[in-house]
């Protein structure tokens, strides 16, 4: 499998456990000729084969990035978390807040499918890892995203801050 060497790319998002020892799932993005995107879940089975099958509950993307981060951003989707983590954001008005002033101070995570899949996400591991940290949900400017916040907060066992956009943003 292309992701078995642990290298992420624009088309593969690897969902590691928090110690980066085991791949929990891989999400493959395929862009069709008409511009639409297909996201395929890949899971590893006990017979040592990868199958294009979703787990019962989706893992959270980026658990291995938490480390000692004091602030954790949770984005709608692995792609957003990956982009913020791996790009400089030069000129972005919130660059320092998003990147942190010290490497590892901030972690960016994501959940598969964003707000519509908040109830299909396994939040248990993340709930254990975030104790005592500031957690900020980054939500799209739509009602589905805003409606996901209470369920996400309940699943994580505490209050969350939310970074939402006004109607000035699509």
N, C-alpha and C. Protein backbone atom coordinates (compact mmCIF):
# COMPACT_ATOMS: atom_id res chain seq x y z
N UNK A 1 0.84 -1.19 0.00
CA UNK A 1 0.00 0.00 0.00
C UNK A 1 0.88 1.25 0.00
N UNK A 2 0.51 2.30 -0.73
CA UNK A 2 1.34 3.50 -0.81
C UNK A 2 1.60 4.16 0.54
N UNK A 3 0.73 3.98 1.47
CA UNK A 3 0.87 4.64 2.77
C UNK A 3 1.62 3.79 3.78
N UNK A 4 1.98 2.56 3.42
CA UNK A 4 2.62 1.66 4.38
C UNK A 4 4.00 2.13 4.81
N UNK A 5 4.60 3.05 4.04
CA UNK A 5 5.90 3.60 4.45
C UNK A 5 5.72 4.80 5.38
N UNK A 6 4.47 5.15 5.71
CA UNK A 6 4.21 6.23 6.66
C UNK A 6 4.30 7.62 6.08
N UNK A 7 4.36 7.73 4.76
CA UNK A 7 4.45 9.04 4.13
C UNK A 7 3.08 9.50 3.69
N UNK A 8 2.69 10.68 4.19
CA UNK A 8 1.43 11.26 3.78
C UNK A 8 1.64 12.10 2.53
N UNK A 9 0.59 12.25 1.79
CA UNK A 9 0.64 13.11 0.63
C UNK A 9 -0.70 13.76 0.44
N UNK A 10 -0.84 14.48 -0.65
CA UNK A 10 -2.08 15.20 -0.92
C UNK A 10 -3.26 14.24 -1.12
N UNK A 11 -2.97 12.99 -1.44
CA UNK A 11 -4.05 12.04 -1.71
C UNK A 11 -4.28 11.03 -0.60
N UNK A 12 -3.36 10.94 0.36
CA UNK A 12 -3.49 9.98 1.45
C UNK A 12 -3.33 10.67 2.79
N UNK A 13 -4.25 10.40 3.70
CA UNK A 13 -4.17 10.93 5.05
C UNK A 13 -4.15 9.75 6.01
N UNK A 14 -3.04 9.63 6.73
CA UNK A 14 -2.83 8.48 7.60
C UNK A 14 -3.30 8.81 9.01
N UNK A 15 -4.14 7.99 9.55
CA UNK A 15 -4.68 8.15 10.90
C UNK A 15 -3.90 7.23 11.83
N UNK A 16 -2.93 7.80 12.53
CA UNK A 16 -2.09 7.06 13.47
C UNK A 16 -2.73 7.02 14.86
N UNK A 17 -2.30 6.06 15.67
CA UNK A 17 -2.63 6.12 17.09
C UNK A 17 -1.78 7.24 17.70
N UNK A 18 -2.04 7.59 18.95
CA UNK A 18 -1.36 8.75 19.54
C UNK A 18 0.14 8.55 19.73
N UNK A 19 0.62 7.31 19.72
CA UNK A 19 2.05 7.05 19.86
C UNK A 19 2.74 6.85 18.51
N UNK A 20 1.99 6.96 17.44
CA UNK A 20 2.47 6.76 16.07
C UNK A 20 3.10 5.37 15.89
N UNK A 21 2.47 4.37 16.47
CA UNK A 21 2.93 2.99 16.33
C UNK A 21 2.05 2.20 15.38
N UNK A 22 0.76 2.53 15.33
CA UNK A 22 -0.19 1.76 14.53
C UNK A 22 -1.04 2.69 13.67
N UNK A 23 -1.22 2.29 12.42
CA UNK A 23 -2.12 3.02 11.54
C UNK A 23 -3.54 2.52 11.80
N UNK A 24 -4.41 3.44 12.20
CA UNK A 24 -5.79 3.08 12.52
C UNK A 24 -6.65 3.03 11.26
N UNK A 25 -6.30 3.90 10.30
CA UNK A 25 -7.06 3.99 9.07
C UNK A 25 -6.30 4.90 8.11
N UNK A 26 -6.60 4.80 6.83
CA UNK A 26 -6.07 5.72 5.84
C UNK A 26 -7.26 6.23 5.03
N UNK A 27 -7.28 7.53 4.80
CA UNK A 27 -8.31 8.13 3.95
C UNK A 27 -7.65 8.53 2.64
N UNK A 28 -8.15 8.00 1.54
CA UNK A 28 -7.62 8.30 0.22
C UNK A 28 -8.57 9.27 -0.47
N UNK A 29 -8.03 10.37 -1.00
CA UNK A 29 -8.82 11.34 -1.74
C UNK A 29 -8.56 11.16 -3.23
N UNK A 30 -9.62 11.07 -4.00
CA UNK A 30 -9.52 10.96 -5.45
C UNK A 30 -10.34 12.10 -6.06
N UNK A 31 -9.70 12.86 -6.93
CA UNK A 31 -10.37 13.94 -7.64
C UNK A 31 -10.81 13.42 -8.99
N UNK A 32 -12.13 13.46 -9.24
CA UNK A 32 -12.66 12.98 -10.51
C UNK A 32 -12.51 14.05 -11.60
N UNK A 33 -12.67 13.65 -12.85
CA UNK A 33 -12.53 14.57 -13.97
C UNK A 33 -13.49 15.75 -13.90
N UNK A 34 -14.66 15.54 -13.30
CA UNK A 34 -15.64 16.63 -13.21
C UNK A 34 -15.39 17.55 -12.01
N UNK A 35 -14.28 17.30 -11.28
CA UNK A 35 -13.91 18.16 -10.16
C UNK A 35 -14.42 17.70 -8.81
N UNK A 36 -15.32 16.74 -8.79
CA UNK A 36 -15.82 16.24 -7.51
C UNK A 36 -14.76 15.35 -6.86
N UNK A 37 -14.91 15.18 -5.55
CA UNK A 37 -13.92 14.42 -4.78
C UNK A 37 -14.58 13.18 -4.18
N UNK A 38 -13.85 12.10 -4.18
CA UNK A 38 -14.27 10.87 -3.52
C UNK A 38 -13.27 10.61 -2.39
N UNK A 39 -13.77 10.29 -1.21
CA UNK A 39 -12.92 9.93 -0.07
C UNK A 39 -13.14 8.46 0.24
N UNK A 40 -12.07 7.68 0.18
CA UNK A 40 -12.16 6.25 0.42
C UNK A 40 -11.46 5.88 1.72
N UNK A 41 -12.15 5.18 2.61
CA UNK A 41 -11.51 4.72 3.84
C UNK A 41 -10.85 3.36 3.62
N UNK A 42 -9.62 3.21 4.10
CA UNK A 42 -8.88 1.95 4.05
C UNK A 42 -8.56 1.52 5.47
N UNK A 43 -8.83 0.25 5.77
CA UNK A 43 -8.51 -0.29 7.09
C UNK A 43 -7.73 -1.60 6.92
N UNK A 44 -6.93 -1.90 7.93
CA UNK A 44 -6.07 -3.08 7.93
C UNK A 44 -6.76 -4.18 8.72
N UNK A 45 -6.77 -5.37 8.17
CA UNK A 45 -7.50 -6.47 8.77
C UNK A 45 -6.54 -7.52 9.33
N UNK A 46 -7.07 -8.39 10.16
CA UNK A 46 -6.25 -9.39 10.86
C UNK A 46 -5.61 -10.39 9.91
N UNK A 47 -6.09 -10.49 8.66
CA UNK A 47 -5.45 -11.38 7.69
C UNK A 47 -4.33 -10.66 6.93
N UNK A 48 -3.89 -9.51 7.48
CA UNK A 48 -2.77 -8.73 6.93
C UNK A 48 -3.08 -8.13 5.56
N UNK A 49 -4.33 -7.76 5.34
CA UNK A 49 -4.73 -7.14 4.07
C UNK A 49 -5.43 -5.81 4.34
N UNK A 50 -5.15 -4.86 3.43
CA UNK A 50 -5.85 -3.58 3.46
C UNK A 50 -7.13 -3.72 2.65
N UNK A 51 -8.22 -3.21 3.19
CA UNK A 51 -9.50 -3.26 2.50
C UNK A 51 -10.15 -1.88 2.50
N UNK A 52 -10.84 -1.60 1.42
CA UNK A 52 -11.54 -0.34 1.31
C UNK A 52 -12.88 -0.45 2.08
N UNK A 53 -12.76 -0.43 3.39
CA UNK A 53 -13.91 -0.54 4.28
C UNK A 53 -13.73 0.43 5.44
N UNK A 54 -14.81 1.07 5.81
CA UNK A 54 -14.76 2.00 6.94
C UNK A 54 -14.87 1.22 8.25
N UNK A 55 -14.23 1.72 9.29
CA UNK A 55 -14.40 1.10 10.61
C UNK A 55 -15.79 1.45 11.16
N UNK A 56 -16.17 0.79 12.23
CA UNK A 56 -17.48 1.09 12.85
C UNK A 56 -17.57 2.55 13.28
N UNK A 57 -16.48 3.05 13.83
CA UNK A 57 -16.38 4.47 14.18
C UNK A 57 -15.07 4.99 13.63
N UNK A 58 -15.12 6.20 13.10
CA UNK A 58 -13.92 6.79 12.51
C UNK A 58 -12.97 7.30 13.58
N UNK A 59 -11.66 7.07 13.40
CA UNK A 59 -10.68 7.64 14.33
C UNK A 59 -10.51 9.13 14.03
N UNK A 60 -9.90 9.83 14.96
CA UNK A 60 -9.58 11.25 14.78
C UNK A 60 -8.21 11.33 14.11
N UNK A 61 -8.08 12.19 13.13
CA UNK A 61 -6.83 12.39 12.42
C UNK A 61 -5.90 13.30 13.22
N UNK A 62 -4.63 12.89 13.36
CA UNK A 62 -3.62 13.73 13.98
C UNK A 62 -3.35 13.46 15.45
N UNK A 63 -3.85 12.36 16.00
CA UNK A 63 -3.63 12.07 17.43
C UNK A 63 -2.15 12.08 17.79
N UNK A 64 -1.29 11.63 16.87
CA UNK A 64 0.15 11.56 17.13
C UNK A 64 0.79 12.94 17.23
N UNK A 65 0.08 13.97 16.82
CA UNK A 65 0.61 15.33 16.85
C UNK A 65 0.42 16.03 18.18
N UNK A 66 -0.39 15.48 19.05
CA UNK A 66 -0.76 16.18 20.29
C UNK A 66 0.45 16.44 21.17
N UNK A 67 1.23 15.40 21.46
CA UNK A 67 2.42 15.59 22.29
C UNK A 67 2.14 16.43 23.52
N UNK A 68 2.89 17.51 23.68
CA UNK A 68 2.72 18.42 24.82
C UNK A 68 1.97 19.69 24.44
N UNK A 69 1.30 19.69 23.31
CA UNK A 69 0.61 20.89 22.85
C UNK A 69 -0.39 21.39 23.90
N UNK A 70 -0.35 22.68 24.14
CA UNK A 70 -1.27 23.30 25.09
C UNK A 70 -2.62 23.61 24.43
N UNK A 71 -2.59 23.83 23.11
CA UNK A 71 -3.81 24.16 22.37
C UNK A 71 -3.99 23.16 21.25
N UNK A 72 -5.21 22.66 21.12
CA UNK A 72 -5.53 21.69 20.09
C UNK A 72 -6.69 22.23 19.27
N UNK A 73 -6.46 22.36 17.97
CA UNK A 73 -7.52 22.74 17.04
C UNK A 73 -8.06 21.46 16.41
N UNK A 74 -9.39 21.35 16.34
CA UNK A 74 -10.01 20.21 15.69
C UNK A 74 -10.80 20.73 14.49
N UNK A 75 -10.36 20.35 13.31
CA UNK A 75 -10.93 20.83 12.06
C UNK A 75 -11.91 19.83 11.47
N UNK A 76 -12.79 20.34 10.62
CA UNK A 76 -13.69 19.48 9.87
C UNK A 76 -12.89 18.86 8.72
N UNK A 77 -12.35 17.69 8.94
CA UNK A 77 -11.61 16.97 7.91
C UNK A 77 -10.11 16.93 8.14
N UNK A 78 -9.51 15.85 7.67
CA UNK A 78 -8.06 15.66 7.79
C UNK A 78 -7.29 16.63 6.90
N UNK A 79 -7.85 16.97 5.74
CA UNK A 79 -7.14 17.83 4.79
C UNK A 79 -6.83 19.20 5.40
N UNK A 80 -7.78 19.79 6.10
CA UNK A 80 -7.55 21.10 6.73
C UNK A 80 -6.47 21.01 7.80
N UNK A 81 -6.54 19.99 8.64
CA UNK A 81 -5.54 19.81 9.70
C UNK A 81 -4.15 19.58 9.10
N UNK A 82 -4.07 18.80 8.06
CA UNK A 82 -2.80 18.52 7.39
C UNK A 82 -2.24 19.80 6.78
N UNK A 83 -3.08 20.58 6.13
CA UNK A 83 -2.64 21.82 5.48
C UNK A 83 -2.06 22.80 6.49
N UNK A 84 -2.77 23.04 7.57
CA UNK A 84 -2.32 24.00 8.59
C UNK A 84 -1.00 23.52 9.20
N UNK A 85 -0.88 22.23 9.44
CA UNK A 85 0.33 21.67 10.05
C UNK A 85 1.55 21.80 9.14
N UNK A 86 1.37 21.58 7.85
CA UNK A 86 2.51 21.46 6.95
C UNK A 86 2.78 22.69 6.07
N UNK A 87 2.06 23.77 6.27
CA UNK A 87 2.31 24.97 5.49
C UNK A 87 2.68 26.13 6.40
N UNK A 88 3.47 27.04 5.89
CA UNK A 88 4.02 28.15 6.67
C UNK A 88 2.96 29.18 7.06
N UNK A 89 1.96 29.39 6.23
CA UNK A 89 0.89 30.38 6.45
C UNK A 89 1.41 31.81 6.46
N UNK A 90 2.52 32.04 5.79
CA UNK A 90 3.10 33.38 5.71
C UNK A 90 2.03 34.38 5.25
N UNK A 91 1.89 35.46 6.01
CA UNK A 91 0.92 36.50 5.67
C UNK A 91 -0.47 36.26 6.21
N UNK A 92 -0.72 35.10 6.79
CA UNK A 92 -2.06 34.81 7.34
C UNK A 92 -2.25 35.63 8.62
N UNK A 93 -3.41 36.28 8.79
CA UNK A 93 -3.60 37.15 9.96
C UNK A 93 -3.54 36.42 11.30
N UNK A 94 -3.80 35.11 11.32
CA UNK A 94 -3.78 34.34 12.56
C UNK A 94 -2.61 33.35 12.59
N UNK A 95 -1.58 33.63 11.82
CA UNK A 95 -0.45 32.70 11.69
C UNK A 95 0.13 32.28 13.04
N UNK A 96 0.43 33.24 13.91
CA UNK A 96 1.04 32.91 15.20
C UNK A 96 0.12 32.07 16.07
N UNK A 97 -1.16 32.37 16.05
CA UNK A 97 -2.12 31.60 16.84
C UNK A 97 -2.26 30.18 16.30
N UNK A 98 -2.26 30.05 14.98
CA UNK A 98 -2.44 28.74 14.36
C UNK A 98 -1.19 27.87 14.44
N UNK A 99 -0.03 28.48 14.38
CA UNK A 99 1.22 27.72 14.39
C UNK A 99 1.83 27.61 15.79
N UNK A 100 1.54 28.57 16.66
CA UNK A 100 2.19 28.59 17.97
C UNK A 100 3.57 29.20 17.83
N UNK A 101 4.07 29.75 18.90
CA UNK A 101 5.39 30.38 18.84
C UNK A 101 6.52 29.37 19.03
N UNK A 102 6.19 28.20 19.55
CA UNK A 102 7.17 27.13 19.78
C UNK A 102 6.65 25.88 19.08
N UNK A 103 7.54 25.18 18.38
CA UNK A 103 7.14 23.96 17.70
C UNK A 103 6.52 22.98 18.70
N UNK A 104 5.36 22.45 18.37
CA UNK A 104 4.69 21.50 19.24
C UNK A 104 3.75 22.13 20.25
N UNK A 105 3.68 23.46 20.26
CA UNK A 105 2.79 24.16 21.19
C UNK A 105 1.33 24.03 20.79
N UNK A 106 1.10 23.90 19.48
CA UNK A 106 -0.24 23.80 18.93
C UNK A 106 -0.33 22.52 18.09
N UNK A 107 -1.45 21.82 18.17
CA UNK A 107 -1.67 20.64 17.34
C UNK A 107 -2.98 20.80 16.57
N UNK A 108 -2.96 20.35 15.32
CA UNK A 108 -4.15 20.43 14.47
C UNK A 108 -4.61 19.02 14.14
N UNK A 109 -5.87 18.73 14.48
CA UNK A 109 -6.47 17.44 14.25
C UNK A 109 -7.69 17.61 13.36
N UNK A 110 -8.24 16.52 12.88
CA UNK A 110 -9.44 16.59 12.05
C UNK A 110 -10.30 15.36 12.22
N UNK A 111 -11.56 15.52 11.88
CA UNK A 111 -12.42 14.34 11.91
C UNK A 111 -13.03 14.15 10.53
N UNK A 112 -13.18 12.89 10.16
CA UNK A 112 -13.61 12.50 8.82
C UNK A 112 -15.00 13.00 8.50
N UNK A 113 -15.10 13.62 7.34
CA UNK A 113 -16.41 14.05 6.87
C UNK A 113 -16.96 15.26 7.57
N UNK A 114 -16.23 15.80 8.51
CA UNK A 114 -16.67 17.02 9.19
C UNK A 114 -17.96 16.86 9.97
N UNK A 115 -18.68 17.94 10.07
CA UNK A 115 -19.85 18.03 10.95
C UNK A 115 -20.89 16.93 10.76
N UNK A 116 -21.21 16.53 9.53
CA UNK A 116 -22.22 15.48 9.40
C UNK A 116 -21.82 14.14 10.03
N UNK A 117 -20.52 13.95 10.27
CA UNK A 117 -20.05 12.68 10.83
C UNK A 117 -19.61 12.78 12.28
N UNK A 118 -20.02 13.82 12.97
CA UNK A 118 -19.59 13.99 14.36
C UNK A 118 -20.03 12.80 15.22
N UNK A 119 -21.18 12.22 14.91
CA UNK A 119 -21.68 11.08 15.68
C UNK A 119 -21.05 9.76 15.25
N UNK A 120 -20.35 9.74 14.11
CA UNK A 120 -19.68 8.52 13.63
C UNK A 120 -18.22 8.48 14.04
N UNK A 121 -17.78 9.50 14.78
CA UNK A 121 -16.38 9.62 15.18
C UNK A 121 -16.16 9.04 16.56
N UNK A 122 -15.06 8.31 16.72
CA UNK A 122 -14.67 7.76 18.02
C UNK A 122 -13.83 8.81 18.75
N UNK A 123 -14.46 9.53 19.64
CA UNK A 123 -13.81 10.63 20.37
C UNK A 123 -13.14 10.16 21.65
N UNK A 124 -13.24 8.88 22.02
CA UNK A 124 -12.76 8.41 23.32
C UNK A 124 -11.26 8.63 23.54
N UNK A 125 -10.43 8.26 22.58
CA UNK A 125 -8.98 8.42 22.75
C UNK A 125 -8.63 9.89 22.88
N UNK A 126 -9.21 10.71 22.03
CA UNK A 126 -8.93 12.14 22.11
C UNK A 126 -9.37 12.72 23.45
N UNK A 127 -10.51 12.28 23.95
CA UNK A 127 -11.00 12.76 25.25
C UNK A 127 -9.98 12.48 26.35
N UNK A 128 -9.32 11.33 26.30
CA UNK A 128 -8.30 11.00 27.31
C UNK A 128 -7.04 11.85 27.16
N UNK A 129 -6.72 12.23 25.92
CA UNK A 129 -5.47 12.95 25.64
C UNK A 129 -5.55 14.46 25.85
N UNK A 130 -6.75 15.03 25.92
CA UNK A 130 -6.86 16.50 25.94
C UNK A 130 -7.03 17.09 27.33
N UNK A 131 -7.02 16.29 28.35
CA UNK A 131 -7.23 16.79 29.70
C UNK A 131 -6.29 17.95 30.02
N UNK A 132 -6.86 19.07 30.47
CA UNK A 132 -6.07 20.23 30.86
C UNK A 132 -5.58 21.09 29.72
N UNK A 133 -6.04 20.83 28.52
CA UNK A 133 -5.60 21.60 27.36
C UNK A 133 -6.76 22.43 26.80
N UNK A 134 -6.42 23.49 26.10
CA UNK A 134 -7.44 24.28 25.42
C UNK A 134 -7.77 23.59 24.10
N UNK A 135 -9.05 23.36 23.85
CA UNK A 135 -9.49 22.70 22.64
C UNK A 135 -10.41 23.66 21.88
N UNK A 136 -10.08 23.87 20.61
CA UNK A 136 -10.84 24.79 19.76
C UNK A 136 -11.36 24.03 18.55
N UNK A 137 -12.67 23.99 18.41
CA UNK A 137 -13.29 23.38 17.23
C UNK A 137 -13.34 24.44 16.13
N UNK A 138 -12.80 24.09 14.96
CA UNK A 138 -12.83 25.00 13.81
C UNK A 138 -13.93 24.50 12.89
N UNK A 139 -14.99 25.29 12.80
CA UNK A 139 -16.20 24.85 12.11
C UNK A 139 -16.47 25.67 10.85
N UNK A 140 -16.99 24.99 9.84
CA UNK A 140 -17.39 25.69 8.62
C UNK A 140 -18.53 26.66 8.93
N UNK A 141 -18.72 27.62 8.05
CA UNK A 141 -19.80 28.59 8.23
C UNK A 141 -21.10 28.02 7.67
N UNK A 142 -21.61 27.01 8.34
CA UNK A 142 -22.91 26.45 7.98
C UNK A 142 -23.59 25.94 9.24
N UNK A 143 -24.89 25.72 9.15
CA UNK A 143 -25.65 25.29 10.33
C UNK A 143 -25.23 23.90 10.79
N UNK A 144 -24.87 23.03 9.86
CA UNK A 144 -24.45 21.67 10.23
C UNK A 144 -23.21 21.75 11.13
N UNK A 145 -22.26 22.59 10.75
CA UNK A 145 -21.05 22.75 11.55
C UNK A 145 -21.34 23.30 12.93
N UNK A 146 -22.17 24.33 12.98
CA UNK A 146 -22.51 24.95 14.26
C UNK A 146 -23.33 24.00 15.14
N UNK A 147 -24.18 23.19 14.51
CA UNK A 147 -24.99 22.23 15.27
C UNK A 147 -24.17 21.07 15.81
N UNK A 148 -23.01 20.81 15.23
CA UNK A 148 -22.16 19.70 15.67
C UNK A 148 -21.47 19.99 17.00
N UNK A 149 -21.30 21.25 17.34
CA UNK A 149 -20.52 21.63 18.52
C UNK A 149 -21.03 21.02 19.82
N UNK A 150 -22.33 21.08 20.14
CA UNK A 150 -22.77 20.48 21.41
C UNK A 150 -22.49 18.98 21.51
N UNK A 151 -22.71 18.24 20.43
CA UNK A 151 -22.45 16.80 20.46
C UNK A 151 -20.96 16.51 20.61
N UNK A 152 -20.16 17.30 19.92
CA UNK A 152 -18.71 17.14 20.02
C UNK A 152 -18.24 17.43 21.44
N UNK A 153 -18.74 18.49 22.02
CA UNK A 153 -18.39 18.88 23.39
C UNK A 153 -18.79 17.77 24.37
N UNK A 154 -19.98 17.24 24.21
CA UNK A 154 -20.45 16.17 25.08
C UNK A 154 -19.57 14.93 24.94
N UNK A 155 -19.24 14.58 23.70
CA UNK A 155 -18.42 13.39 23.45
C UNK A 155 -17.01 13.53 24.02
N UNK A 156 -16.50 14.76 24.04
CA UNK A 156 -15.16 14.99 24.58
C UNK A 156 -15.17 15.25 26.08
N UNK A 157 -16.35 15.35 26.65
CA UNK A 157 -16.48 15.46 28.10
C UNK A 157 -16.18 16.82 28.68
N UNK A 158 -16.40 17.88 27.92
CA UNK A 158 -16.16 19.20 28.48
C UNK A 158 -16.42 20.32 27.50
N UNK A 159 -16.24 21.52 27.99
CA UNK A 159 -16.47 22.70 27.18
C UNK A 159 -15.39 22.84 26.10
N UNK A 160 -15.80 23.34 24.96
CA UNK A 160 -14.89 23.61 23.85
C UNK A 160 -15.00 25.07 23.46
N UNK A 161 -13.92 25.63 23.02
CA UNK A 161 -14.00 26.91 22.34
C UNK A 161 -14.32 26.59 20.89
N UNK A 162 -14.89 27.55 20.18
CA UNK A 162 -15.20 27.35 18.78
C UNK A 162 -14.70 28.52 17.96
N UNK A 163 -14.08 28.20 16.84
CA UNK A 163 -13.64 29.20 15.88
C UNK A 163 -14.63 29.09 14.73
N UNK A 164 -15.54 30.07 14.66
CA UNK A 164 -16.54 30.05 13.60
C UNK A 164 -16.36 31.28 12.73
N UNK A 165 -16.94 31.23 11.57
CA UNK A 165 -16.83 32.31 10.61
C UNK A 165 -18.16 33.05 10.50
N UNK A 166 -18.08 34.33 10.20
CA UNK A 166 -19.29 35.12 10.00
C UNK A 166 -19.78 34.89 8.57
N UNK A 167 -20.89 35.51 8.22
CA UNK A 167 -21.42 35.37 6.88
C UNK A 167 -20.57 36.10 5.84
N UNK A 168 -19.54 36.81 6.27
CA UNK A 168 -18.61 37.44 5.34
C UNK A 168 -17.74 36.41 4.63
N UNK A 169 -17.74 35.16 5.15
CA UNK A 169 -16.95 34.07 4.57
C UNK A 169 -17.88 33.00 4.02
N UNK A 170 -17.48 32.42 2.88
CA UNK A 170 -18.28 31.31 2.33
C UNK A 170 -18.15 30.10 3.23
